[in-house]
Amino acid sequence: MSIFEYNEEEEMRKLREGEREIWEKRGKAKGKAEDLLLILEFRWTVPGWLKERIFQEADALQLESWMKAAMSAGTMKDFLEKTGLSET
């Protein structure tokens, strides 16, 4: 096979694999967002804008960082200061 030949089956496999990775990352972030919200709601009243912001976050590592802040914060204000989250 030369470099100019197109292998449709191989290209489709690569596309499916890439899509699977994207969905796995989204699923992982969604699960972490749900966990974070559970922690926050157990401790305090969570404003709607913050719930929306949490579920917009796609970076699982960022969500883990916020979870750690939620567990160590003494108040919602303290949590927001630790994370830099704000309504604006």
PDB file of N, CA and C in Angstrom:
ATOM      1  N   MET A   1       0.850  -1.178   0.000  1.00  0.00           N
ATOM      2  CA  MET A   1       0.000   0.000   0.000  1.00  0.00           C
ATOM      3  C   MET A   1       0.896   1.242   0.000  1.00  0.00           C
ATOM      4  N   SER A   2       0.597   2.133  -0.891  1.00  0.00           N
ATOM      5  CA  SER A   2       1.387   3.358  -0.952  1.00  0.00           C
ATOM      6  C   SER A   2       0.777   4.403  -0.013  1.00  0.00           C
ATOM      7  N   ILE A   3       1.519   5.465   0.207  1.00  0.00           N
ATOM      8  CA  ILE A   3       1.034   6.525   1.092  1.00  0.00           C
ATOM      9  C   ILE A   3      -0.165   7.252   0.493  1.00  0.00           C
ATOM     10  N   PHE A   4      -0.423   7.030  -0.776  1.00  0.00           N
ATOM     11  CA  PHE A   4      -1.531   7.699  -1.439  1.00  0.00           C
ATOM     12  C   PHE A   4      -2.820   6.884  -1.409  1.00  0.00           C
ATOM     13  N   GLU A   5      -2.720   5.641  -0.956  1.00  0.00           N
ATOM     14  CA  GLU A   5      -3.916   4.812  -0.880  1.00  0.00           C
ATOM     15  C   GLU A   5      -4.699   5.164   0.377  1.00  0.00           C
ATOM     16  N   TYR A   6      -5.989   5.133   0.239  1.00  0.00           N
ATOM     17  CA  TYR A   6      -6.884   5.503   1.336  1.00  0.00           C
ATOM     18  C   TYR A   6      -7.525   4.236   1.886  1.00  0.00           C
ATOM     19  N   ASN A   7      -7.381   4.022   3.175  1.00  0.00           N
ATOM     20  CA  ASN A   7      -7.973   2.862   3.822  1.00  0.00           C
ATOM     21  C   ASN A   7      -9.174   3.353   4.626  1.00  0.00           C
ATOM     22  N   GLU A   8     -10.344   3.245   4.030  1.00  0.00           N
ATOM     23  CA  GLU A   8     -11.565   3.764   4.652  1.00  0.00           C
ATOM     24  C   GLU A   8     -11.848   3.084   5.992  1.00  0.00           C
ATOM     25  N   GLU A   9     -11.666   1.806   6.062  1.00  0.00           N
ATOM     26  CA  GLU A   9     -11.932   1.067   7.301  1.00  0.00           C
ATOM     27  C   GLU A   9     -11.021   1.560   8.432  1.00  0.00           C
ATOM     28  N   GLU A  10      -9.767   1.776   8.144  1.00  0.00           N
ATOM     29  CA  GLU A  10      -8.815   2.270   9.148  1.00  0.00           C
ATOM     30  C   GLU A  10      -9.172   3.689   9.587  1.00  0.00           C
ATOM     31  N   GLU A  11      -9.545   4.519   8.650  1.00  0.00           N
ATOM     32  CA  GLU A  11      -9.928   5.896   8.972  1.00  0.00           C
ATOM     33  C   GLU A  11     -11.183   5.929   9.840  1.00  0.00           C
ATOM     34  N   MET A  12     -12.156   5.088   9.552  1.00  0.00           N
ATOM     35  CA  MET A  12     -13.379   5.018  10.354  1.00  0.00           C
ATOM     36  C   MET A  12     -13.073   4.529  11.766  1.00  0.00           C
ATOM     37  N   ARG A  13     -12.175   3.573  11.886  1.00  0.00           N
ATOM     38  CA  ARG A  13     -11.782   3.070  13.203  1.00  0.00           C
ATOM     39  C   ARG A  13     -11.158   4.194  14.025  1.00  0.00           C
ATOM     40  N   LYS A  14     -10.293   4.977  13.398  1.00  0.00           N
ATOM     41  CA  LYS A  14      -9.653   6.103  14.081  1.00  0.00           C
ATOM     42  C   LYS A  14     -10.685   7.135  14.537  1.00  0.00           C
ATOM     43  N   LEU A  15     -11.657   7.420  13.664  1.00  0.00           N
ATOM     44  CA  LEU A  15     -12.704   8.376  14.020  1.00  0.00           C
ATOM     45  C   LEU A  15     -13.529   7.883  15.200  1.00  0.00           C
ATOM     46  N   ARG A  16     -13.923   6.612  15.165  1.00  0.00           N
ATOM     47  CA  ARG A  16     -14.717   6.042  16.266  1.00  0.00           C
ATOM     48  C   ARG A  16     -13.924   6.064  17.569  1.00  0.00           C
ATOM     49  N   GLU A  17     -12.648   5.760  17.488  1.00  0.00           N
ATOM     50  CA  GLU A  17     -11.802   5.769  18.680  1.00  0.00           C
ATOM     51  C   GLU A  17     -11.700   7.178  19.257  1.00  0.00           C
ATOM     52  N   GLY A  18     -11.534   8.171  18.396  1.00  0.00           N
ATOM     53  CA  GLY A  18     -11.467   9.558  18.845  1.00  0.00           C
ATOM     54  C   GLY A  18     -12.778  10.009  19.472  1.00  0.00           C
ATOM     55  N   GLU A  19     -13.890   9.619  18.865  1.00  0.00           N
ATOM     56  CA  GLU A  19     -15.199   9.966  19.428  1.00  0.00           C
ATOM     57  C   GLU A  19     -15.396   9.309  20.795  1.00  0.00           C
ATOM     58  N   ARG A  20     -14.976   8.067  20.923  1.00  0.00           N
ATOM     59  CA  ARG A  20     -15.101   7.348  22.196  1.00  0.00           C
ATOM     60  C   ARG A  20     -14.316   8.069  23.290  1.00  0.00           C
ATOM     61  N   GLU A  21     -13.123   8.511  22.969  1.00  0.00           N
ATOM     62  CA  GLU A  21     -12.308   9.230  23.952  1.00  0.00           C
ATOM     63  C   GLU A  21     -12.990  10.519  24.393  1.00  0.00           C
ATOM     64  N   ILE A  22     -13.578  11.230  23.453  1.00  0.00           N
ATOM     65  CA  ILE A  22     -14.293  12.471  23.787  1.00  0.00           C
ATOM     66  C   ILE A  22     -15.453  12.173  24.713  1.00  0.00           C
ATOM     67  N   TRP A  23     -16.246  11.153  24.395  1.00  0.00           N
ATOM     68  CA  TRP A  23     -17.400  10.812  25.235  1.00  0.00           C
ATOM     69  C   TRP A  23     -16.971  10.328  26.604  1.00  0.00           C
ATOM     70  N   GLU A  24     -15.866   9.599  26.678  1.00  0.00           N
ATOM     71  CA  GLU A  24     -15.363   9.145  27.972  1.00  0.00           C
ATOM     72  C   GLU A  24     -14.954  10.341  28.840  1.00  0.00           C
ATOM     73  N   LYS A  25     -14.282  11.319  28.243  1.00  0.00           N
ATOM     74  CA  LYS A  25     -13.878  12.514  28.981  1.00  0.00           C
ATOM     75  C   LYS A  25     -15.095  13.294  29.459  1.00  0.00           C
ATOM     76  N   ARG A  26     -16.091  13.431  28.581  1.00  0.00           N
ATOM     77  CA  ARG A  26     -17.312  14.146  28.966  1.00  0.00           C
ATOM     78  C   ARG A  26     -18.029  13.421  30.102  1.00  0.00           C
ATOM     79  N   GLY A  27     -18.094  12.099  30.008  1.00  0.00           N
ATOM     80  CA  GLY A  27     -18.749  11.315  31.049  1.00  0.00           C
ATOM     81  C   GLY A  27     -18.026  11.425  32.380  1.00  0.00           C
ATOM     82  N   LYS A  28     -16.712  11.404  32.337  1.00  0.00           N
ATOM     83  CA  LYS A  28     -15.922  11.535  33.556  1.00  0.00           C
ATOM     84  C   LYS A  28     -16.136  12.910  34.187  1.00  0.00           C
ATOM     85  N   ALA A  29     -16.129  13.952  33.373  1.00  0.00           N
ATOM     86  CA  ALA A  29     -16.343  15.308  33.891  1.00  0.00           C
ATOM     87  C   ALA A  29     -17.751  15.445  34.459  1.00  0.00           C
ATOM     88  N   LYS A  30     -18.740  14.876  33.781  1.00  0.00           N
ATOM     89  CA  LYS A  30     -20.113  14.967  34.283  1.00  0.00           C
ATOM     90  C   LYS A  30     -20.228  14.285  35.641  1.00  0.00           C
ATOM     91  N   GLY A  31     -19.612  13.123  35.786  1.00  0.00           N
ATOM     92  CA  GLY A  31     -19.643  12.422  37.062  1.00  0.00           C
ATOM     93  C   GLY A  31     -18.978  13.226  38.170  1.00  0.00           C
ATOM     94  N   LYS A  32     -17.870  13.844  37.864  1.00  0.00           N
ATOM     95  CA  LYS A  32     -17.185  14.665  38.862  1.00  0.00           C
ATOM     96  C   LYS A  32     -18.003  15.901  39.206  1.00  0.00           C
ATOM     97  N   ALA A  33     -18.673  16.482  38.209  1.00  0.00           N
ATOM     98  CA  ALA A  33     -19.541  17.636  38.465  1.00  0.00           C
ATOM     99  C   ALA A  33     -20.676  17.235  39.403  1.00  0.00           C
ATOM    100  N   GLU A  34     -21.250  16.080  39.173  1.00  0.00           N
ATOM    101  CA  GLU A  34     -22.318  15.589  40.049  1.00  0.00           C
ATOM    102  C   GLU A  34     -21.810  15.365  41.466  1.00  0.00           C
ATOM    103  N   ASP A  35     -20.614  14.803  41.586  1.00  0.00           N
ATOM    104  CA  ASP A  35     -20.021  14.580  42.910  1.00  0.00           C
ATOM    105  C   ASP A  35     -19.765  15.900  43.628  1.00  0.00           C
ATOM    106  N   LEU A  36     -19.226  16.863  42.900  1.00  0.00           N
ATOM    107  CA  LEU A  36     -18.955  18.170  43.487  1.00  0.00           C
ATOM    108  C   LEU A  36     -20.245  18.821  43.975  1.00  0.00           C
ATOM    109  N   LEU A  37     -21.266  18.761  43.155  1.00  0.00           N
ATOM    110  CA  LEU A  37     -22.539  19.355  43.540  1.00  0.00           C
ATOM    111  C   LEU A  37     -23.121  18.657  44.774  1.00  0.00           C
ATOM    112  N   LEU A  38     -22.968  17.365  44.860  1.00  0.00           N
ATOM    113  CA  LEU A  38     -23.423  16.623  46.034  1.00  0.00           C
ATOM    114  C   LEU A  38     -22.720  17.118  47.301  1.00  0.00           C
ATOM    115  N   ILE A  39     -21.425  17.299  47.221  1.00  0.00           N
ATOM    116  CA  ILE A  39     -20.648  17.809  48.363  1.00  0.00           C
ATOM    117  C   ILE A  39     -21.136  19.202  48.742  1.00  0.00           C
ATOM    118  N   LEU A  40     -21.251  20.075  47.750  1.00  0.00           N
ATOM    119  CA  LEU A  40     -21.660  21.453  48.023  1.00  0.00           C
ATOM    120  C   LEU A  40     -23.068  21.515  48.605  1.00  0.00           C
ATOM    121  N   GLU A  41     -23.991  20.757  48.032  1.00  0.00           N
ATOM    122  CA  GLU A  41     -25.372  20.791  48.511  1.00  0.00           C
ATOM    123  C   GLU A  41     -25.513  20.181  49.902  1.00  0.00           C
ATOM    124  N   PHE A  42     -24.652  19.267  50.242  1.00  0.00           N
ATOM    125  CA  PHE A  42     -24.666  18.698  51.586  1.00  0.00           C
ATOM    126  C   PHE A  42     -24.250  19.748  52.612  1.00  0.00           C
ATOM    127  N   ARG A  43     -23.357  20.619  52.205  1.00  0.00           N
ATOM    128  CA  ARG A  43     -22.810  21.605  53.127  1.00  0.00           C
ATOM    129  C   ARG A  43     -23.544  22.944  53.119  1.00  0.00           C
ATOM    130  N   TRP A  44     -23.968  23.401  51.951  1.00  0.00           N
ATOM    131  CA  TRP A  44     -24.544  24.732  51.830  1.00  0.00           C
ATOM    132  C   TRP A  44     -25.648  24.762  50.778  1.00  0.00           C
ATOM    133  N   THR A  45     -26.305  25.913  50.674  1.00  0.00           N
ATOM    134  CA  THR A  45     -27.226  26.182  49.571  1.00  0.00           C
ATOM    135  C   THR A  45     -26.385  26.622  48.376  1.00  0.00           C
ATOM    136  N   VAL A  46     -26.644  26.005  47.245  1.00  0.00           N
ATOM    137  CA  VAL A  46     -25.839  26.281  46.045  1.00  0.00           C
ATOM    138  C   VAL A  46     -26.658  27.139  45.076  1.00  0.00           C
ATOM    139  N   PRO A  47     -26.161  28.324  44.744  1.00  0.00           N
ATOM    140  CA  PRO A  47     -26.893  29.176  43.800  1.00  0.00           C
ATOM    141  C   PRO A  47     -26.959  28.552  42.404  1.00  0.00           C
ATOM    142  N   GLY A  48     -28.024  28.890  41.690  1.00  0.00           N
ATOM    143  CA  GLY A  48     -28.227  28.343  40.345  1.00  0.00           C
ATOM    144  C   GLY A  48     -27.082  28.624  39.393  1.00  0.00           C
ATOM    145  N   TRP A  49     -26.518  29.834  39.453  1.00  0.00           N
ATOM    146  CA  TRP A  49     -25.424  30.172  38.536  1.00  0.00           C
ATOM    147  C   TRP A  49     -24.226  29.263  38.767  1.00  0.00           C
ATOM    148  N   LEU A  50     -24.006  28.848  40.033  1.00  0.00           N
ATOM    149  CA  LEU A  50     -22.862  27.986  40.333  1.00  0.00           C
ATOM    150  C   LEU A  50     -23.108  26.560  39.827  1.00  0.00           C
ATOM    151  N   LYS A  51     -24.328  26.085  39.961  1.00  0.00           N
ATOM    152  CA  LYS A  51     -24.664  24.758  39.419  1.00  0.00           C
ATOM    153  C   LYS A  51     -24.396  24.731  37.920  1.00  0.00           C
ATOM    154  N   GLU A  52     -24.864  25.772  37.233  1.00  0.00           N
ATOM    155  CA  GLU A  52     -24.652  25.848  35.783  1.00  0.00           C
ATOM    156  C   GLU A  52     -23.166  25.860  35.450  1.00  0.00           C
ATOM    157  N   ARG A  53     -22.398  26.650  36.182  1.00  0.00           N
ATOM    158  CA  ARG A  53     -20.950  26.754  35.926  1.00  0.00           C
ATOM    159  C   ARG A  53     -20.257  25.423  36.138  1.00  0.00           C
ATOM    160  N   ILE A  54     -20.650  24.715  37.195  1.00  0.00           N
ATOM    161  CA  ILE A  54     -20.045  23.412  37.488  1.00  0.00           C
ATOM    162  C   ILE A  54     -20.294  22.446  36.334  1.00  0.00           C
ATOM    163  N   PHE A  55     -21.532  22.405  35.829  1.00  0.00           N
ATOM    164  CA  PHE A  55     -21.843  21.465  34.751  1.00  0.00           C
ATOM    165  C   PHE A  55     -21.304  21.910  33.395  1.00  0.00           C
ATOM    166  N   GLN A  56     -20.865  23.136  33.270  1.00  0.00           N
ATOM    167  CA  GLN A  56     -20.217  23.599  32.043  1.00  0.00           C
ATOM    168  C   GLN A  56     -18.744  23.179  31.995  1.00  0.00           C
ATOM    169  N   GLU A  57     -18.172  22.898  33.152  1.00  0.00           N
ATOM    170  CA  GLU A  57     -16.742  22.573  33.209  1.00  0.00           C
ATOM    171  C   GLU A  57     -16.493  21.188  32.619  1.00  0.00           C
ATOM    172  N   ALA A  58     -15.610  21.117  31.647  1.00  0.00           N
ATOM    173  CA  ALA A  58     -15.297  19.859  30.973  1.00  0.00           C
ATOM    174  C   ALA A  58     -13.984  19.243  31.442  1.00  0.00           C
ATOM    175  N   ASP A  59     -13.225  19.966  32.239  1.00  0.00           N
ATOM    176  CA  ASP A  59     -11.917  19.502  32.697  1.00  0.00           C
ATOM    177  C   ASP A  59     -12.064  18.763  34.029  1.00  0.00           C
ATOM    178  N   ALA A  60     -11.891  17.451  33.999  1.00  0.00           N
ATOM    179  CA  ALA A  60     -12.056  16.631  35.199  1.00  0.00           C
ATOM    180  C   ALA A  60     -11.060  17.014  36.293  1.00  0.00           C
ATOM    181  N   LEU A  61      -9.859  17.400  35.918  1.00  0.00           N
ATOM    182  CA  LEU A  61      -8.872  17.798  36.920  1.00  0.00           C
ATOM    183  C   LEU A  61      -9.272  19.086  37.627  1.00  0.00           C
ATOM    184  N   GLN A  62      -9.874  20.010  36.890  1.00  0.00           N
ATOM    185  CA  GLN A  62     -10.370  21.246  37.489  1.00  0.00           C
ATOM    186  C   GLN A  62     -11.480  20.931  38.487  1.00  0.00           C
ATOM    187  N   LEU A  63     -12.378  20.028  38.098  1.00  0.00           N
ATOM    188  CA  LEU A  63     -13.471  19.644  38.986  1.00  0.00           C
ATOM    189  C   LEU A  63     -12.940  18.967  40.252  1.00  0.00           C
ATOM    190  N   GLU A  64     -11.904  18.155  40.124  1.00  0.00           N
ATOM    191  CA  GLU A  64     -11.281  17.530  41.302  1.00  0.00           C
ATOM    192  C   GLU A  64     -10.714  18.602  42.228  1.00  0.00           C
ATOM    193  N   SER A  65     -10.096  19.598  41.649  1.00  0.00           N
ATOM    194  CA  SER A  65      -9.546  20.693  42.438  1.00  0.00           C
ATOM    195  C   SER A  65     -10.659  21.404  43.201  1.00  0.00           C
ATOM    196  N   TRP A  66     -11.781  21.637  42.528  1.00  0.00           N
ATOM    197  CA  TRP A  66     -12.912  22.278  43.185  1.00  0.00           C
ATOM    198  C   TRP A  66     -13.486  21.397  44.291  1.00  0.00           C
ATOM    199  N   MET A  67     -13.468  20.072  44.074  1.00  0.00           N
ATOM    200  CA  MET A  67     -13.956  19.165  45.122  1.00  0.00           C
ATOM    201  C   MET A  67     -13.097  19.276  46.376  1.00  0.00           C
ATOM    202  N   LYS A  68     -11.804  19.332  46.180  1.00  0.00           N
ATOM    203  CA  LYS A  68     -10.900  19.481  47.323  1.00  0.00           C
ATOM    204  C   LYS A  68     -11.170  20.789  48.050  1.00  0.00           C
ATOM    205  N   ALA A  69     -11.407  21.852  47.291  1.00  0.00           N
ATOM    206  CA  ALA A  69     -11.727  23.142  47.897  1.00  0.00           C
ATOM    207  C   ALA A  69     -13.048  23.057  48.653  1.00  0.00           C
ATOM    208  N   ALA A  70     -14.017  22.349  48.096  1.00  0.00           N
ATOM    209  CA  ALA A  70     -15.325  22.203  48.752  1.00  0.00           C
ATOM    210  C   ALA A  70     -15.208  21.459  50.073  1.00  0.00           C
ATOM    211  N   MET A  71     -14.326  20.480  50.106  1.00  0.00           N
ATOM    212  CA  MET A  71     -14.169  19.690  51.330  1.00  0.00           C
ATOM    213  C   MET A  71     -13.395  20.436  52.410  1.00  0.00           C
ATOM    214  N   SER A  72     -12.559  21.369  52.009  1.00  0.00           N
ATOM    215  CA  SER A  72     -11.740  22.076  52.997  1.00  0.00           C
ATOM    216  C   SER A  72     -12.283  23.457  53.365  1.00  0.00           C
ATOM    217  N   ALA A  73     -13.237  23.962  52.596  1.00  0.00           N
ATOM    218  CA  ALA A  73     -13.779  25.299  52.846  1.00  0.00           C
ATOM    219  C   ALA A  73     -14.702  25.290  54.065  1.00  0.00           C
ATOM    220  N   GLY A  74     -14.663  26.389  54.797  1.00  0.00           N
ATOM    221  CA  GLY A  74     -15.529  26.513  55.961  1.00  0.00           C
ATOM    222  C   GLY A  74     -16.893  27.088  55.633  1.00  0.00           C
ATOM    223  N   THR A  75     -16.969  27.851  54.556  1.00  0.00           N
ATOM    224  CA  THR A  75     -18.213  28.480  54.129  1.00  0.00           C
ATOM    225  C   THR A  75     -18.274  28.480  52.607  1.00  0.00           C
ATOM    226  N   MET A  76     -19.460  28.783  52.076  1.00  0.00           N
ATOM    227  CA  MET A  76     -19.591  28.896  50.629  1.00  0.00           C
ATOM    228  C   MET A  76     -18.707  30.031  50.124  1.00  0.00           C
ATOM    229  N   LYS A  77     -18.657  31.124  50.857  1.00  0.00           N
ATOM    230  CA  LYS A  77     -17.810  32.257  50.473  1.00  0.00           C
ATOM    231  C   LYS A  77     -16.349  31.815  50.400  1.00  0.00           C
ATOM    232  N   ASP A  78     -15.918  31.033  51.368  1.00  0.00           N
ATOM    233  CA  ASP A  78     -14.553  30.512  51.394  1.00  0.00           C
ATOM    234  C   ASP A  78     -14.305  29.623  50.169  1.00  0.00           C
ATOM    235  N   PHE A  79     -15.266  28.772  49.842  1.00  0.00           N
ATOM    236  CA  PHE A  79     -15.147  27.911  48.664  1.00  0.00           C
ATOM    237  C   PHE A  79     -14.976  28.751  47.398  1.00  0.00           C
ATOM    238  N   LEU A  80     -15.829  29.764  47.251  1.00  0.00           N
ATOM    239  CA  LEU A  80     -15.763  30.612  46.057  1.00  0.00           C
ATOM    240  C   LEU A  80     -14.429  31.351  45.973  1.00  0.00           C
ATOM    241  N   GLU A  81     -13.908  31.792  47.098  1.00  0.00           N
ATOM    242  CA  GLU A  81     -12.610  32.473  47.104  1.00  0.00           C
ATOM    243  C   GLU A  81     -11.485  31.504  46.728  1.00  0.00           C
ATOM    244  N   LYS A  82     -11.536  30.277  47.257  1.00  0.00           N
ATOM    245  CA  LYS A  82     -10.495  29.288  46.957  1.00  0.00           C
ATOM    246  C   LYS A  82     -10.473  28.905  45.477  1.00  0.00           C
ATOM    247  N   THR A  83     -11.651  28.870  44.869  1.00  0.00           N
ATOM    248  CA  THR A  83     -11.740  28.431  43.484  1.00  0.00           C
ATOM    249  C   THR A  83     -11.692  29.561  42.469  1.00  0.00           C
ATOM    250  N   GLY A  84     -11.931  30.782  42.929  1.00  0.00           N
ATOM    251  CA  GLY A  84     -11.983  31.906  42.002  1.00  0.00           C
ATOM    252  C   GLY A  84     -13.272  31.975  41.219  1.00  0.00           C
ATOM    253  N   LEU A  85     -14.258  31.180  41.606  1.00  0.00           N
ATOM    254  CA  LEU A  85     -15.547  31.196  40.914  1.00  0.00           C
ATOM    255  C   LEU A  85     -16.349  32.411  41.348  1.00  0.00           C
ATOM    256  N   SER A  86     -17.046  33.008  40.389  1.00  0.00           N
ATOM    257  CA  SER A  86     -17.910  34.134  40.715  1.00  0.00           C
ATOM    258  C   SER A  86     -19.041  34.165  39.711  1.00  0.00           C
ATOM    259  N   GLU A  87     -20.064  34.893  40.060  1.00  0.00           N
ATOM    260  CA  GLU A  87     -21.264  34.942  39.229  1.00  0.00           C
ATOM    261  C   GLU A  87     -21.012  35.610  37.881  1.00  0.00           C
ATOM    262  N   THR A  88     -20.046  36.464  37.797  1.00  0.00           N
ATOM    263  CA  THR A  88     -19.793  37.176  36.549  1.00  0.00           C
ATOM    264  C   THR A  88     -18.883  36.423  35.619  1.00  0.00           C
TER     265      THR A  88
END
